[in-house]
Amino acid sequence: MRNHKFVVAAVFSFLGAVSYAAWLRIEAARAERAAWAEVTDPVD
């Protein structure tokens, strides 16, 4: 069952890395939108 534990650990690590990468992309997009909203100045 040592191999099974290794597989489970690898899967959890992979899921963590994927969710962290997705969170980073979401944060970057949100920060970019916030900066863009700050820069734009509505004329009306």
PDB file of N, CA and C in Angstrom:
ATOM      1  N   MET A   1       0.826  -1.213   0.000  1.00  0.00           N
ATOM      2  CA  MET A   1       0.000   0.000   0.000  1.00  0.00           C
ATOM      3  C   MET A   1       0.861   1.264   0.000  1.00  0.00           C
ATOM      4  N   ARG A   2       2.170   1.084   0.020  1.00  0.00           N
ATOM      5  CA  ARG A   2       3.048   2.257  -0.015  1.00  0.00           C
ATOM      6  C   ARG A   2       2.877   3.008  -1.333  1.00  0.00           C
ATOM      7  N   ASN A   3       2.718   2.251  -2.396  1.00  0.00           N
ATOM      8  CA  ASN A   3       2.533   2.871  -3.699  1.00  0.00           C
ATOM      9  C   ASN A   3       1.225   3.665  -3.734  1.00  0.00           C
ATOM     10  N   HIS A   4       0.190   3.122  -3.112  1.00  0.00           N
ATOM     11  CA  HIS A   4      -1.104   3.808  -3.070  1.00  0.00           C
ATOM     12  C   HIS A   4      -0.975   5.150  -2.357  1.00  0.00           C
ATOM     13  N   LYS A   5      -0.258   5.175  -1.241  1.00  0.00           N
ATOM     14  CA  LYS A   5      -0.066   6.433  -0.512  1.00  0.00           C
ATOM     15  C   LYS A   5       0.671   7.444  -1.381  1.00  0.00           C
ATOM     16  N   PHE A   6       1.653   6.972  -2.118  1.00  0.00           N
ATOM     17  CA  PHE A   6       2.409   7.872  -2.990  1.00  0.00           C
ATOM     18  C   PHE A   6       1.514   8.465  -4.076  1.00  0.00           C
ATOM     19  N   VAL A   7       0.654   7.625  -4.647  1.00  0.00           N
ATOM     20  CA  VAL A   7      -0.255   8.101  -5.696  1.00  0.00           C
ATOM     21  C   VAL A   7      -1.214   9.136  -5.127  1.00  0.00           C
ATOM     22  N   VAL A   8      -1.757   8.877  -3.943  1.00  0.00           N
ATOM     23  CA  VAL A   8      -2.687   9.823  -3.323  1.00  0.00           C
ATOM     24  C   VAL A   8      -1.976  11.147  -3.045  1.00  0.00           C
ATOM     25  N   ALA A   9      -0.758  11.082  -2.524  1.00  0.00           N
ATOM     26  CA  ALA A   9      -0.003  12.308  -2.249  1.00  0.00           C
ATOM     27  C   ALA A   9       0.273  13.072  -3.540  1.00  0.00           C
ATOM     28  N   ALA A  10       0.613  12.364  -4.602  1.00  0.00           N
ATOM     29  CA  ALA A  10       0.889  13.021  -5.876  1.00  0.00           C
ATOM     30  C   ALA A  10      -0.366  13.691  -6.425  1.00  0.00           C
ATOM     31  N   VAL A  11      -1.499  13.011  -6.313  1.00  0.00           N
ATOM     32  CA  VAL A  11      -2.754  13.581  -6.815  1.00  0.00           C
ATOM     33  C   VAL A  11      -3.119  14.835  -6.029  1.00  0.00           C
ATOM     34  N   PHE A  12      -2.983  14.778  -4.695  1.00  0.00           N
ATOM     35  CA  PHE A  12      -3.304  15.949  -3.890  1.00  0.00           C
ATOM     36  C   PHE A  12      -2.362  17.106  -4.197  1.00  0.00           C
ATOM     37  N   SER A  13      -1.085  16.810  -4.385  1.00  0.00           N
ATOM     38  CA  SER A  13      -0.122  17.860  -4.723  1.00  0.00           C
ATOM     39  C   SER A  13      -0.476  18.486  -6.069  1.00  0.00           C
ATOM     40  N   PHE A  14      -0.838  17.650  -7.035  1.00  0.00           N
ATOM     41  CA  PHE A  14      -1.199  18.153  -8.357  1.00  0.00           C
ATOM     42  C   PHE A  14      -2.445  19.030  -8.283  1.00  0.00           C
ATOM     43  N   LEU A  15      -3.447  18.581  -7.525  1.00  0.00           N
ATOM     44  CA  LEU A  15      -4.663  19.377  -7.380  1.00  0.00           C
ATOM     45  C   LEU A  15      -4.355  20.713  -6.714  1.00  0.00           C
ATOM     46  N   GLY A  16      -3.508  20.688  -5.699  1.00  0.00           N
ATOM     47  CA  GLY A  16      -3.134  21.930  -5.030  1.00  0.00           C
ATOM     48  C   GLY A  16      -2.429  22.879  -5.976  1.00  0.00           C
ATOM     49  N   ALA A  17      -1.513  22.360  -6.789  1.00  0.00           N
ATOM     50  CA  ALA A  17      -0.785  23.208  -7.729  1.00  0.00           C
ATOM     51  C   ALA A  17      -1.731  23.794  -8.772  1.00  0.00           C
ATOM     52  N   VAL A  18      -2.666  22.987  -9.251  1.00  0.00           N
ATOM     53  CA  VAL A  18      -3.611  23.466 -10.262  1.00  0.00           C
ATOM     54  C   VAL A  18      -4.519  24.546  -9.684  1.00  0.00           C
ATOM     55  N   SER A  19      -5.036  24.319  -8.480  1.00  0.00           N
ATOM     56  CA  SER A  19      -5.922  25.315  -7.878  1.00  0.00           C
ATOM     57  C   SER A  19      -5.152  26.594  -7.559  1.00  0.00           C
ATOM     58  N   TYR A  20      -3.888  26.476  -7.150  1.00  0.00           N
ATOM     59  CA  TYR A  20      -3.078  27.664  -6.866  1.00  0.00           C
ATOM     60  C   TYR A  20      -2.819  28.452  -8.148  1.00  0.00           C
ATOM     61  N   ALA A  21      -2.526  27.747  -9.243  1.00  0.00           N
ATOM     62  CA  ALA A  21      -2.301  28.429 -10.515  1.00  0.00           C
ATOM     63  C   ALA A  21      -3.581  29.131 -10.974  1.00  0.00           C
ATOM     64  N   ALA A  22      -4.721  28.470 -10.813  1.00  0.00           N
ATOM     65  CA  ALA A  22      -5.986  29.093 -11.199  1.00  0.00           C
ATOM     66  C   ALA A  22      -6.252  30.323 -10.345  1.00  0.00           C
ATOM     67  N   TRP A  23      -5.966  30.246  -9.048  1.00  0.00           N
ATOM     68  CA  TRP A  23      -6.176  31.394  -8.163  1.00  0.00           C
ATOM     69  C   TRP A  23      -5.266  32.551  -8.564  1.00  0.00           C
ATOM     70  N   LEU A  24      -4.026  32.246  -8.928  1.00  0.00           N
ATOM     71  CA  LEU A  24      -3.109  33.302  -9.358  1.00  0.00           C
ATOM     72  C   LEU A  24      -3.632  33.985 -10.616  1.00  0.00           C
ATOM     73  N   ARG A  25      -4.152  33.199 -11.563  1.00  0.00           N
ATOM     74  CA  ARG A  25      -4.681  33.800 -12.796  1.00  0.00           C
ATOM     75  C   ARG A  25      -5.886  34.676 -12.482  1.00  0.00           C
ATOM     76  N   ILE A  26      -6.760  34.211 -11.589  1.00  0.00           N
ATOM     77  CA  ILE A  26      -7.945  34.996 -11.230  1.00  0.00           C
ATOM     78  C   ILE A  26      -7.523  36.291 -10.547  1.00  0.00           C
ATOM     79  N   GLU A  27      -6.562  36.202  -9.627  1.00  0.00           N
ATOM     80  CA  GLU A  27      -6.083  37.396  -8.932  1.00  0.00           C
ATOM     81  C   GLU A  27      -5.446  38.373  -9.911  1.00  0.00           C
ATOM     82  N   ALA A  28      -4.653  37.878 -10.847  1.00  0.00           N
ATOM     83  CA  ALA A  28      -4.007  38.759 -11.823  1.00  0.00           C
ATOM     84  C   ALA A  28      -5.063  39.456 -12.681  1.00  0.00           C
ATOM     85  N   ALA A  29      -6.073  38.721 -13.105  1.00  0.00           N
ATOM     86  CA  ALA A  29      -7.129  39.324 -13.918  1.00  0.00           C
ATOM     87  C   ALA A  29      -7.901  40.357 -13.105  1.00  0.00           C
ATOM     88  N   ARG A  30      -8.155  40.047 -11.838  1.00  0.00           N
ATOM     89  CA  ARG A  30      -8.899  40.992 -11.001  1.00  0.00           C
ATOM     90  C   ARG A  30      -8.083  42.261 -10.763  1.00  0.00           C
ATOM     91  N   ALA A  31      -6.794  42.111 -10.510  1.00  0.00           N
ATOM     92  CA  ALA A  31      -5.940  43.280 -10.295  1.00  0.00           C
ATOM     93  C   ALA A  31      -5.859  44.111 -11.573  1.00  0.00           C
ATOM     94  N   GLU A  32      -5.794  43.439 -12.722  1.00  0.00           N
ATOM     95  CA  GLU A  32      -5.722  44.163 -13.988  1.00  0.00           C
ATOM     96  C   GLU A  32      -7.010  44.948 -14.213  1.00  0.00           C
ATOM     97  N   ARG A  33      -8.156  44.336 -13.918  1.00  0.00           N
ATOM     98  CA  ARG A  33      -9.429  45.045 -14.067  1.00  0.00           C
ATOM     99  C   ARG A  33      -9.496  46.232 -13.122  1.00  0.00           C
ATOM    100  N   ALA A  34      -9.031  46.056 -11.885  1.00  0.00           N
ATOM    101  CA  ALA A  34      -9.079  47.147 -10.914  1.00  0.00           C
ATOM    102  C   ALA A  34      -8.195  48.297 -11.380  1.00  0.00           C
ATOM    103  N   ALA A  35      -6.994  47.987 -11.878  1.00  0.00           N
ATOM    104  CA  ALA A  35      -6.097  49.036 -12.359  1.00  0.00           C
ATOM    105  C   ALA A  35      -6.722  49.732 -13.564  1.00  0.00           C
ATOM    106  N   TRP A  36      -7.349  48.970 -14.447  1.00  0.00           N
ATOM    107  CA  TRP A  36      -7.975  49.561 -15.628  1.00  0.00           C
ATOM    108  C   TRP A  36      -9.136  50.466 -15.206  1.00  0.00           C
ATOM    109  N   ALA A  37      -9.905  50.045 -14.203  1.00  0.00           N
ATOM    110  CA  ALA A  37     -11.021  50.863 -13.733  1.00  0.00           C
ATOM    111  C   ALA A  37     -10.503  52.148 -13.096  1.00  0.00           C
ATOM    112  N   GLU A  38      -9.334  52.087 -12.461  1.00  0.00           N
ATOM    113  CA  GLU A  38      -8.765  53.294 -11.868  1.00  0.00           C
ATOM    114  C   GLU A  38      -8.322  54.270 -12.942  1.00  0.00           C
ATOM    115  N   VAL A  39      -7.751  53.750 -14.020  1.00  0.00           N
ATOM    116  CA  VAL A  39      -7.168  54.612 -15.047  1.00  0.00           C
ATOM    117  C   VAL A  39      -8.259  55.291 -15.856  1.00  0.00           C
ATOM    118  N   THR A  40      -9.293  54.543 -16.220  1.00  0.00           N
ATOM    119  CA  THR A  40     -10.323  55.111 -17.092  1.00  0.00           C
ATOM    120  C   THR A  40     -11.084  56.208 -16.362  1.00  0.00           C
ATOM    121  N   ASP A  41     -11.352  57.262 -17.088  1.00  0.00           N
ATOM    122  CA  ASP A  41     -12.060  58.409 -16.511  1.00  0.00           C
ATOM    123  C   ASP A  41     -13.281  58.689 -17.378  1.00  0.00           C
ATOM    124  N   PRO A  42     -14.459  58.316 -16.920  1.00  0.00           N
ATOM    125  CA  PRO A  42     -15.653  58.548 -17.757  1.00  0.00           C
ATOM    126  C   PRO A  42     -15.879  60.037 -18.008  1.00  0.00           C
ATOM    127  N   VAL A  43     -16.143  60.387 -19.252  1.00  0.00           N
ATOM    128  CA  VAL A  43     -16.269  61.797 -19.627  1.00  0.00           C
ATOM    129  C   VAL A  43     -17.621  62.345 -19.205  1.00  0.00           C
ATOM    130  N   ASP A  44     -18.665  61.556 -19.360  1.00  0.00           N
ATOM    131  CA  ASP A  44     -19.992  62.057 -19.013  1.00  0.00           C
ATOM    132  C   ASP A  44     -20.093  62.107 -17.500  1.00  0.00           C
TER     133      ASP A  44
END
